[in-house]
Amino acid sequence: QGLRSRKEERLAALAAVAAWAAPVDDRVIGTPRRL
């Protein structure tokens, strides 16, 4: 629904997705790449 080309048909609200919020796992964060 989010990738529909016509905006009128696209996912219109993000409240349900926002309910998924949780801390990101340390293994995903890792060591940031530095310049």
PDB file of all heavy atoms in Angstrom:
ATOM      1  N   GLN A   1       0.822  -1.213   0.000  1.00  0.00           N
ATOM      2  CA  GLN A   1       0.000   0.000   0.000  1.00  0.00           C
ATOM      3  C   GLN A   1       0.858   1.267   0.000  1.00  0.00           C
ATOM      4  O   GLN A   1       0.473   2.284  -0.565  1.00  0.00           O
ATOM      5  CB  GLN A   1      -0.930  -0.002   1.208  1.00  0.00           C
ATOM      6  CG  GLN A   1      -1.969  -1.115   1.188  1.00  0.00           C
ATOM      7  CD  GLN A   1      -2.760  -1.185   2.478  1.00  0.00           C
ATOM      8  OE1 GLN A   1      -3.075  -0.170   3.091  1.00  0.00           O
ATOM      9  NE2 GLN A   1      -3.085  -2.403   2.905  1.00  0.00           N
ATOM     10  N   GLY A   2       2.021   1.187   0.616  1.00  0.00           N
ATOM     11  CA  GLY A   2       2.883   2.361   0.672  1.00  0.00           C
ATOM     12  C   GLY A   2       3.526   2.695  -0.659  1.00  0.00           C
ATOM     13  O   GLY A   2       3.871   3.857  -0.916  1.00  0.00           O
ATOM     14  N   LEU A   3       3.703   1.688  -1.530  1.00  0.00           N
ATOM     15  CA  LEU A   3       4.395   1.885  -2.809  1.00  0.00           C
ATOM     16  C   LEU A   3       3.442   2.092  -3.979  1.00  0.00           C
ATOM     17  O   LEU A   3       3.889   2.091  -5.134  1.00  0.00           O
ATOM     18  CB  LEU A   3       5.305   0.674  -3.093  1.00  0.00           C
ATOM     19  CG  LEU A   3       6.498   0.514  -2.141  1.00  0.00           C
ATOM     20  CD1 LEU A   3       7.192  -0.813  -2.378  1.00  0.00           C
ATOM     21  CD2 LEU A   3       7.474   1.673  -2.313  1.00  0.00           C
ATOM     22  N   ARG A   4       2.179   2.283  -3.714  1.00  0.00           N
ATOM     23  CA  ARG A   4       1.241   2.494  -4.827  1.00  0.00           C
ATOM     24  C   ARG A   4       1.550   3.801  -5.533  1.00  0.00           C
ATOM     25  O   ARG A   4       1.837   4.813  -4.903  1.00  0.00           O
ATOM     26  CB  ARG A   4      -0.195   2.478  -4.312  1.00  0.00           C
ATOM     27  CG  ARG A   4      -0.615   1.080  -3.885  1.00  0.00           C
ATOM     28  CD  ARG A   4      -2.054   1.000  -3.443  1.00  0.00           C
ATOM     29  NE  ARG A   4      -2.391  -0.357  -3.020  1.00  0.00           N
ATOM     30  CZ  ARG A   4      -3.566  -0.721  -2.518  1.00  0.00           C
ATOM     31  NH1 ARG A   4      -4.533   0.188  -2.369  1.00  0.00           N
ATOM     32  NH2 ARG A   4      -3.775  -1.974  -2.160  1.00  0.00           N
ATOM     33  N   SER A   5       1.491   3.759  -6.843  1.00  0.00           N
ATOM     34  CA  SER A   5       1.899   4.929  -7.639  1.00  0.00           C
ATOM     35  C   SER A   5       0.911   6.081  -7.527  1.00  0.00           C
ATOM     36  O   SER A   5       1.305   7.247  -7.538  1.00  0.00           O
ATOM     37  CB  SER A   5       2.079   4.532  -9.108  1.00  0.00           C
ATOM     38  OG  SER A   5       0.875   3.993  -9.626  1.00  0.00           O
ATOM     39  N   ARG A   6      -0.367   5.771  -7.405  1.00  0.00           N
ATOM     40  CA  ARG A   6      -1.379   6.828  -7.264  1.00  0.00           C
ATOM     41  C   ARG A   6      -1.517   7.181  -5.789  1.00  0.00           C
ATOM     42  O   ARG A   6      -1.856   6.325  -4.966  1.00  0.00           O
ATOM     43  CB  ARG A   6      -2.718   6.363  -7.825  1.00  0.00           C
ATOM     44  CG  ARG A   6      -2.733   6.217  -9.349  1.00  0.00           C
ATOM     45  CD  ARG A   6      -4.073   5.648  -9.827  1.00  0.00           C
ATOM     46  NE  ARG A   6      -5.204   6.429  -9.335  1.00  0.00           N
ATOM     47  CZ  ARG A   6      -5.657   7.552  -9.894  1.00  0.00           C
ATOM     48  NH1 ARG A   6      -5.061   8.020 -10.986  1.00  0.00           N
ATOM     49  NH2 ARG A   6      -6.698   8.190  -9.390  1.00  0.00           N
ATOM     50  N   LYS A   7      -1.256   8.444  -5.477  1.00  0.00           N
ATOM     51  CA  LYS A   7      -1.261   8.818  -4.061  1.00  0.00           C
ATOM     52  C   LYS A   7      -2.637   8.640  -3.430  1.00  0.00           C
ATOM     53  O   LYS A   7      -2.748   8.416  -2.221  1.00  0.00           O
ATOM     54  CB  LYS A   7      -0.765  10.246  -3.890  1.00  0.00           C
ATOM     55  CG  LYS A   7      -1.601  11.322  -4.551  1.00  0.00           C
ATOM     56  CD  LYS A   7      -0.957  12.685  -4.358  1.00  0.00           C
ATOM     57  CE  LYS A   7      -1.758  13.798  -5.027  1.00  0.00           C
ATOM     58  NZ  LYS A   7      -1.091  15.116  -4.863  1.00  0.00           N
ATOM     59  N   GLU A   8      -3.704   8.731  -4.261  1.00  0.00           N
ATOM     60  CA  GLU A   8      -5.062   8.559  -3.726  1.00  0.00           C
ATOM     61  C   GLU A   8      -5.284   7.138  -3.217  1.00  0.00           C
ATOM     62  O   GLU A   8      -6.167   6.902  -2.380  1.00  0.00           O
ATOM     63  CB  GLU A   8      -6.099   8.874  -4.804  1.00  0.00           C
ATOM     64  CG  GLU A   8      -6.089  10.313  -5.286  1.00  0.00           C
ATOM     65  CD  GLU A   8      -5.022  10.581  -6.342  1.00  0.00           C
ATOM     66  OE1 GLU A   8      -4.352   9.613  -6.768  1.00  0.00           O
ATOM     67  OE2 GLU A   8      -4.843  11.752  -6.726  1.00  0.00           O
ATOM     68  N   GLU A   9      -4.497   6.165  -3.715  1.00  0.00           N
ATOM     69  CA  GLU A   9      -4.663   4.772  -3.323  1.00  0.00           C
ATOM     70  C   GLU A   9      -3.624   4.339  -2.283  1.00  0.00           C
ATOM     71  O   GLU A   9      -3.674   3.215  -1.785  1.00  0.00           O
ATOM     72  CB  GLU A   9      -4.538   3.869  -4.558  1.00  0.00           C
ATOM     73  CG  GLU A   9      -5.569   4.161  -5.634  1.00  0.00           C
ATOM     74  CD  GLU A   9      -5.307   3.359  -6.900  1.00  0.00           C
ATOM     75  OE1 GLU A   9      -4.283   2.627  -6.939  1.00  0.00           O
ATOM     76  OE2 GLU A   9      -6.108   3.469  -7.846  1.00  0.00           O
ATOM     77  N   ARG A  10      -2.727   5.248  -1.957  1.00  0.00           N
ATOM     78  CA  ARG A  10      -1.596   4.908  -1.099  1.00  0.00           C
ATOM     79  C   ARG A  10      -2.019   4.856   0.370  1.00  0.00           C
ATOM     80  O   ARG A  10      -2.993   5.486   0.778  1.00  0.00           O
ATOM     81  CB  ARG A  10      -0.486   5.942  -1.303  1.00  0.00           C
ATOM     82  CG  ARG A  10       0.898   5.494  -0.802  1.00  0.00           C
ATOM     83  CD  ARG A  10       1.933   6.526  -1.213  1.00  0.00           C
ATOM     84  NE  ARG A  10       1.963   6.708  -2.656  1.00  0.00           N
ATOM     85  CZ  ARG A  10       2.277   7.848  -3.276  1.00  0.00           C
ATOM     86  NH1 ARG A  10       2.571   8.925  -2.561  1.00  0.00           N
ATOM     87  NH2 ARG A  10       2.275   7.912  -4.584  1.00  0.00           N
ATOM     88  N   LEU A  11      -1.244   4.111   1.159  1.00  0.00           N
ATOM     89  CA  LEU A  11      -1.426   4.091   2.608  1.00  0.00           C
ATOM     90  C   LEU A  11      -1.491   5.525   3.114  1.00  0.00           C
ATOM     91  O   LEU A  11      -0.613   6.341   2.826  1.00  0.00           O
ATOM     92  CB  LEU A  11      -0.247   3.352   3.255  1.00  0.00           C
ATOM     93  CG  LEU A  11      -0.264   3.171   4.764  1.00  0.00           C
ATOM     94  CD1 LEU A  11      -1.388   2.223   5.180  1.00  0.00           C
ATOM     95  CD2 LEU A  11       1.085   2.627   5.242  1.00  0.00           C
ATOM     96  N   ALA A  12      -2.536   5.846   3.861  1.00  0.00           N
ATOM     97  CA  ALA A  12      -2.774   7.247   4.218  1.00  0.00           C
ATOM     98  C   ALA A  12      -2.360   7.595   5.636  1.00  0.00           C
ATOM     99  O   ALA A  12      -2.213   8.775   5.956  1.00  0.00           O
ATOM    100  CB  ALA A  12      -4.251   7.581   4.030  1.00  0.00           C
ATOM    101  N   ALA A  13      -2.169   6.601   6.504  1.00  0.00           N
ATOM    102  CA  ALA A  13      -1.858   6.884   7.905  1.00  0.00           C
ATOM    103  C   ALA A  13      -0.815   5.902   8.417  1.00  0.00           C
ATOM    104  O   ALA A  13      -0.727   4.762   7.935  1.00  0.00           O
ATOM    105  CB  ALA A  13      -3.128   6.804   8.752  1.00  0.00           C
ATOM    106  N   LEU A  14      -0.040   6.349   9.406  1.00  0.00           N
ATOM    107  CA  LEU A  14       1.068   5.532   9.914  1.00  0.00           C
ATOM    108  C   LEU A  14       0.894   5.142  11.379  1.00  0.00           C
ATOM    109  O   LEU A  14       1.827   4.629  11.999  1.00  0.00           O
ATOM    110  CB  LEU A  14       2.389   6.296   9.753  1.00  0.00           C
ATOM    111  CG  LEU A  14       2.878   6.481   8.322  1.00  0.00           C
ATOM    112  CD1 LEU A  14       4.105   7.394   8.299  1.00  0.00           C
ATOM    113  CD2 LEU A  14       3.208   5.140   7.677  1.00  0.00           C
ATOM    114  N   ALA A  15      -0.277   5.368  11.935  1.00  0.00           N
ATOM    115  CA  ALA A  15      -0.480   5.072  13.359  1.00  0.00           C
ATOM    116  C   ALA A  15      -0.224   3.601  13.668  1.00  0.00           C
ATOM    117  O   ALA A  15       0.402   3.269  14.690  1.00  0.00           O
ATOM    118  CB  ALA A  15      -1.894   5.464  13.769  1.00  0.00           C
ATOM    119  N   ALA A  16      -0.663   2.703  12.788  1.00  0.00           N
ATOM    120  CA  ALA A  16      -0.466   1.265  13.034  1.00  0.00           C
ATOM    121  C   ALA A  16       1.012   0.905  12.982  1.00  0.00           C
ATOM    122  O   ALA A  16       1.498   0.094  13.779  1.00  0.00           O
ATOM    123  CB  ALA A  16      -1.251   0.451  12.004  1.00  0.00           C
ATOM    124  N   VAL A  17       1.762   1.516  12.056  1.00  0.00           N
ATOM    125  CA  VAL A  17       3.202   1.252  11.953  1.00  0.00           C
ATOM    126  C   VAL A  17       3.918   1.825  13.173  1.00  0.00           C
ATOM    127  O   VAL A  17       4.843   1.211  13.716  1.00  0.00           O
ATOM    128  CB  VAL A  17       3.770   1.852  10.652  1.00  0.00           C
ATOM    129  CG1 VAL A  17       5.273   1.590  10.553  1.00  0.00           C
ATOM    130  CG2 VAL A  17       3.059   1.262   9.437  1.00  0.00           C
ATOM    131  N   ALA A  18       3.501   2.990  13.627  1.00  0.00           N
ATOM    132  CA  ALA A  18       4.128   3.614  14.792  1.00  0.00           C
ATOM    133  C   ALA A  18       4.017   2.733  16.033  1.00  0.00           C
ATOM    134  O   ALA A  18       4.880   2.785  16.919  1.00  0.00           O
ATOM    135  CB  ALA A  18       3.498   4.976  15.054  1.00  0.00           C
ATOM    136  N   ALA A  19       2.981   1.909  16.074  1.00  0.00           N
ATOM    137  CA  ALA A  19       2.790   1.018  17.224  1.00  0.00           C
ATOM    138  C   ALA A  19       3.868  -0.062  17.286  1.00  0.00           C
ATOM    139  O   ALA A  19       4.031  -0.724  18.326  1.00  0.00           O
ATOM    140  CB  ALA A  19       1.400   0.375  17.172  1.00  0.00           C
ATOM    141  N   TRP A  20       4.624  -0.259  16.208  1.00  0.00           N
ATOM    142  CA  TRP A  20       5.695  -1.253  16.194  1.00  0.00           C
ATOM    143  C   TRP A  20       6.963  -0.747  16.902  1.00  0.00           C
ATOM    144  O   TRP A  20       7.915  -1.503  17.086  1.00  0.00           O
ATOM    145  CB  TRP A  20       6.089  -1.611  14.766  1.00  0.00           C
ATOM    146  CG  TRP A  20       5.008  -2.211  13.923  1.00  0.00           C
ATOM    147  CD1 TRP A  20       3.814  -2.709  14.342  1.00  0.00           C
ATOM    148  CD2 TRP A  20       5.038  -2.369  12.502  1.00  0.00           C
ATOM    149  NE1 TRP A  20       3.088  -3.166  13.273  1.00  0.00           N
ATOM    150  CE2 TRP A  20       3.808  -2.982  12.131  1.00  0.00           C
ATOM    151  CE3 TRP A  20       5.956  -2.074  11.516  1.00  0.00           C
ATOM    152  CZ2 TRP A  20       3.510  -3.277  10.807  1.00  0.00           C
ATOM    153  CZ3 TRP A  20       5.660  -2.372  10.190  1.00  0.00           C
ATOM    154  CH2 TRP A  20       4.449  -2.971   9.838  1.00  0.00           C
ATOM    155  N   ALA A  21       7.019   0.513  17.247  1.00  0.00           N
ATOM    156  CA  ALA A  21       8.245   1.120  17.774  1.00  0.00           C
ATOM    157  C   ALA A  21       8.806   0.334  18.957  1.00  0.00           C
ATOM    158  O   ALA A  21       8.076  -0.030  19.890  1.00  0.00           O
ATOM    159  CB  ALA A  21       7.975   2.560  18.193  1.00  0.00           C
ATOM    160  N   ALA A  22      10.126   0.081  18.896  1.00  0.00           N
ATOM    161  CA  ALA A  22      10.834  -0.610  19.969  1.00  0.00           C
ATOM    162  C   ALA A  22      12.310  -0.266  19.842  1.00  0.00           C
ATOM    163  O   ALA A  22      12.765   0.158  18.769  1.00  0.00           O
ATOM    164  CB  ALA A  22      10.623  -2.126  19.852  1.00  0.00           C
ATOM    165  N   PRO A  23      13.089  -0.406  20.903  1.00  0.00           N
ATOM    166  CA  PRO A  23      14.524  -0.121  20.800  1.00  0.00           C
ATOM    167  C   PRO A  23      15.196  -1.018  19.759  1.00  0.00           C
ATOM    168  O   PRO A  23      14.848  -2.195  19.625  1.00  0.00           O
ATOM    169  CB  PRO A  23      15.046  -0.409  22.210  1.00  0.00           C
ATOM    170  CG  PRO A  23      13.844  -0.285  23.096  1.00  0.00           C
ATOM    171  CD  PRO A  23      12.692  -0.764  22.271  1.00  0.00           C
ATOM    172  N   VAL A  24      16.164  -0.465  19.053  1.00  0.00           N
ATOM    173  CA  VAL A  24      16.893  -1.232  18.048  1.00  0.00           C
ATOM    174  C   VAL A  24      17.977  -2.043  18.739  1.00  0.00           C
ATOM    175  O   VAL A  24      18.670  -1.561  19.641  1.00  0.00           O
ATOM    176  CB  VAL A  24      17.527  -0.294  16.999  1.00  0.00           C
ATOM    177  CG1 VAL A  24      18.265  -1.096  15.930  1.00  0.00           C
ATOM    178  CG2 VAL A  24      16.440   0.578  16.356  1.00  0.00           C
ATOM    179  N   ASP A  25      18.131  -3.283  18.308  1.00  0.00           N
ATOM    180  CA  ASP A  25      19.075  -4.211  18.926  1.00  0.00           C
ATOM    181  C   ASP A  25      20.521  -3.727  18.768  1.00  0.00           C
ATOM    182  O   ASP A  25      20.903  -3.200  17.720  1.00  0.00           O
ATOM    183  CB  ASP A  25      18.924  -5.589  18.269  1.00  0.00           C
ATOM    184  CG  ASP A  25      19.657  -6.674  19.034  1.00  0.00           C
ATOM    185  OD1 ASP A  25      20.888  -6.768  18.881  1.00  0.00           O
ATOM    186  OD2 ASP A  25      18.991  -7.418  19.771  1.00  0.00           O
ATOM    187  N   ASP A  26      21.341  -3.946  19.804  1.00  0.00           N
ATOM    188  CA  ASP A  26      22.751  -3.544  19.779  1.00  0.00           C
ATOM    189  C   ASP A  26      23.492  -4.156  18.596  1.00  0.00           C
ATOM    190  O   ASP A  26      24.403  -3.538  18.034  1.00  0.00           O
ATOM    191  CB  ASP A  26      23.461  -3.978  21.072  1.00  0.00           C
ATOM    192  CG  ASP A  26      23.035  -3.151  22.276  1.00  0.00           C
ATOM    193  OD1 ASP A  26      22.435  -2.076  22.055  1.00  0.00           O
ATOM    194  OD2 ASP A  26      23.283  -3.574  23.410  1.00  0.00           O
ATOM    195  N   ARG A  27      23.140  -5.370  18.210  1.00  0.00           N
ATOM    196  CA  ARG A  27      23.841  -6.037  17.114  1.00  0.00           C
ATOM    197  C   ARG A  27      23.604  -5.329  15.787  1.00  0.00           C
ATOM    198  O   ARG A  27      24.441  -5.399  14.890  1.00  0.00           O
ATOM    199  CB  ARG A  27      23.405  -7.499  17.013  1.00  0.00           C
ATOM    200  CG  ARG A  27      23.872  -8.367  18.189  1.00  0.00           C
ATOM    201  CD  ARG A  27      23.187  -9.713  18.184  1.00  0.00           C
ATOM    202  NE  ARG A  27      21.744  -9.582  18.397  1.00  0.00           N
ATOM    203  CZ  ARG A  27      20.892 -10.599  18.416  1.00  0.00           C
ATOM    204  NH1 ARG A  27      21.339 -11.835  18.239  1.00  0.00           N
ATOM    205  NH2 ARG A  27      19.606 -10.394  18.623  1.00  0.00           N
ATOM    206  N   VAL A  28      22.483  -4.662  15.665  1.00  0.00           N
ATOM    207  CA  VAL A  28      22.198  -3.897  14.449  1.00  0.00           C
ATOM    208  C   VAL A  28      23.002  -2.606  14.438  1.00  0.00           C
ATOM    209  O   VAL A  28      23.557  -2.201  13.416  1.00  0.00           O
ATOM    210  CB  VAL A  28      20.692  -3.570  14.356  1.00  0.00           C
ATOM    211  CG1 VAL A  28      20.419  -2.621  13.207  1.00  0.00           C
ATOM    212  CG2 VAL A  28      19.895  -4.861  14.189  1.00  0.00           C
ATOM    213  N   ILE A  29      23.106  -1.973  15.607  1.00  0.00           N
ATOM    214  CA  ILE A  29      23.800  -0.685  15.689  1.00  0.00           C
ATOM    215  C   ILE A  29      25.285  -0.856  15.431  1.00  0.00           C
ATOM    216  O   ILE A  29      25.884  -0.127  14.642  1.00  0.00           O
ATOM    217  CB  ILE A  29      23.563  -0.031  17.065  1.00  0.00           C
ATOM    218  CG1 ILE A  29      22.066   0.222  17.257  1.00  0.00           C
ATOM    219  CG2 ILE A  29      24.351   1.269  17.190  1.00  0.00           C
ATOM    220  CD1 ILE A  29      21.683   0.610  18.655  1.00  0.00           C
ATOM    221  N   GLY A  30      25.911  -1.843  16.063  1.00  0.00           N
ATOM    222  CA  GLY A  30      27.318  -2.123  15.814  1.00  0.00           C
ATOM    223  C   GLY A  30      28.205  -0.923  16.086  1.00  0.00           C
ATOM    224  O   GLY A  30      27.891  -0.041  16.883  1.00  0.00           O
ATOM    225  N   THR A  31      29.324  -0.851  15.388  1.00  0.00           N
ATOM    226  CA  THR A  31      30.261   0.269  15.489  1.00  0.00           C
ATOM    227  C   THR A  31      30.062   1.163  14.294  1.00  0.00           C
ATOM    228  O   THR A  31      30.198   0.713  13.159  1.00  0.00           O
ATOM    229  CB  THR A  31      31.724  -0.228  15.518  1.00  0.00           C
ATOM    230  OG1 THR A  31      31.874  -1.110  16.619  1.00  0.00           O
ATOM    231  CG2 THR A  31      32.691   0.950  15.658  1.00  0.00           C
ATOM    232  N   PRO A  32      29.711   2.436  14.485  1.00  0.00           N
ATOM    233  CA  PRO A  32      29.440   3.325  13.352  1.00  0.00           C
ATOM    234  C   PRO A  32      30.676   3.503  12.484  1.00  0.00           C
ATOM    235  O   PRO A  32      31.801   3.550  12.967  1.00  0.00           O
ATOM    236  CB  PRO A  32      29.033   4.648  14.016  1.00  0.00           C
ATOM    237  CG  PRO A  32      29.657   4.592  15.358  1.00  0.00           C
ATOM    238  CD  PRO A  32      29.656   3.165  15.770  1.00  0.00           C
ATOM    239  N   ARG A  33      30.447   3.606  11.178  1.00  0.00           N
ATOM    240  CA  ARG A  33      31.532   3.861  10.241  1.00  0.00           C
ATOM    241  C   ARG A  33      31.905   5.328  10.342  1.00  0.00           C
ATOM    242  O   ARG A  33      31.069   6.202  10.231  1.00  0.00           O
ATOM    243  CB  ARG A  33      31.071   3.536   8.811  1.00  0.00           C
ATOM    244  CG  ARG A  33      32.139   3.773   7.749  1.00  0.00           C
ATOM    245  CD  ARG A  33      31.686   3.144   6.430  1.00  0.00           C
ATOM    246  NE  ARG A  33      30.371   3.628   6.029  1.00  0.00           N
ATOM    247  CZ  ARG A  33      30.175   4.696   5.283  1.00  0.00           C
ATOM    248  NH1 ARG A  33      31.197   5.438   4.891  1.00  0.00           N
ATOM    249  NH2 ARG A  33      28.960   5.064   4.927  1.00  0.00           N
ATOM    250  N   ARG A  34      33.186   5.608  10.560  1.00  0.00           N
ATOM    251  CA  ARG A  34      33.653   6.988  10.734  1.00  0.00           C
ATOM    252  C   ARG A  34      34.438   7.444   9.521  1.00  0.00           C
ATOM    253  O   ARG A  34      35.100   6.645   8.852  1.00  0.00           O
ATOM    254  CB  ARG A  34      34.529   7.088  11.982  1.00  0.00           C
ATOM    255  CG  ARG A  34      33.793   6.813  13.294  1.00  0.00           C
ATOM    256  CD  ARG A  34      32.671   7.797  13.532  1.00  0.00           C
ATOM    257  NE  ARG A  34      32.113   7.670  14.862  1.00  0.00           N
ATOM    258  CZ  ARG A  34      31.027   8.282  15.264  1.00  0.00           C
ATOM    259  NH1 ARG A  34      30.362   9.062  14.442  1.00  0.00           N
ATOM    260  NH2 ARG A  34      30.584   8.133  16.493  1.00  0.00           N
ATOM    261  N   LEU A  35      34.415   8.737   9.296  1.00  0.00           N
ATOM    262  CA  LEU A  35      35.209   9.319   8.224  1.00  0.00           C
ATOM    263  C   LEU A  35      36.677   9.233   8.609  1.00  0.00           C
ATOM    264  O   LEU A  35      37.074   9.654   9.684  1.00  0.00           O
ATOM    265  CB  LEU A  35      34.820  10.783   8.036  1.00  0.00           C
ATOM    266  CG  LEU A  35      35.323  11.501   6.804  1.00  0.00           C
ATOM    267  CD1 LEU A  35      34.699  10.892   5.553  1.00  0.00           C
ATOM    268  CD2 LEU A  35      35.001  12.980   6.886  1.00  0.00           C
TER     269      LEU A  35
END
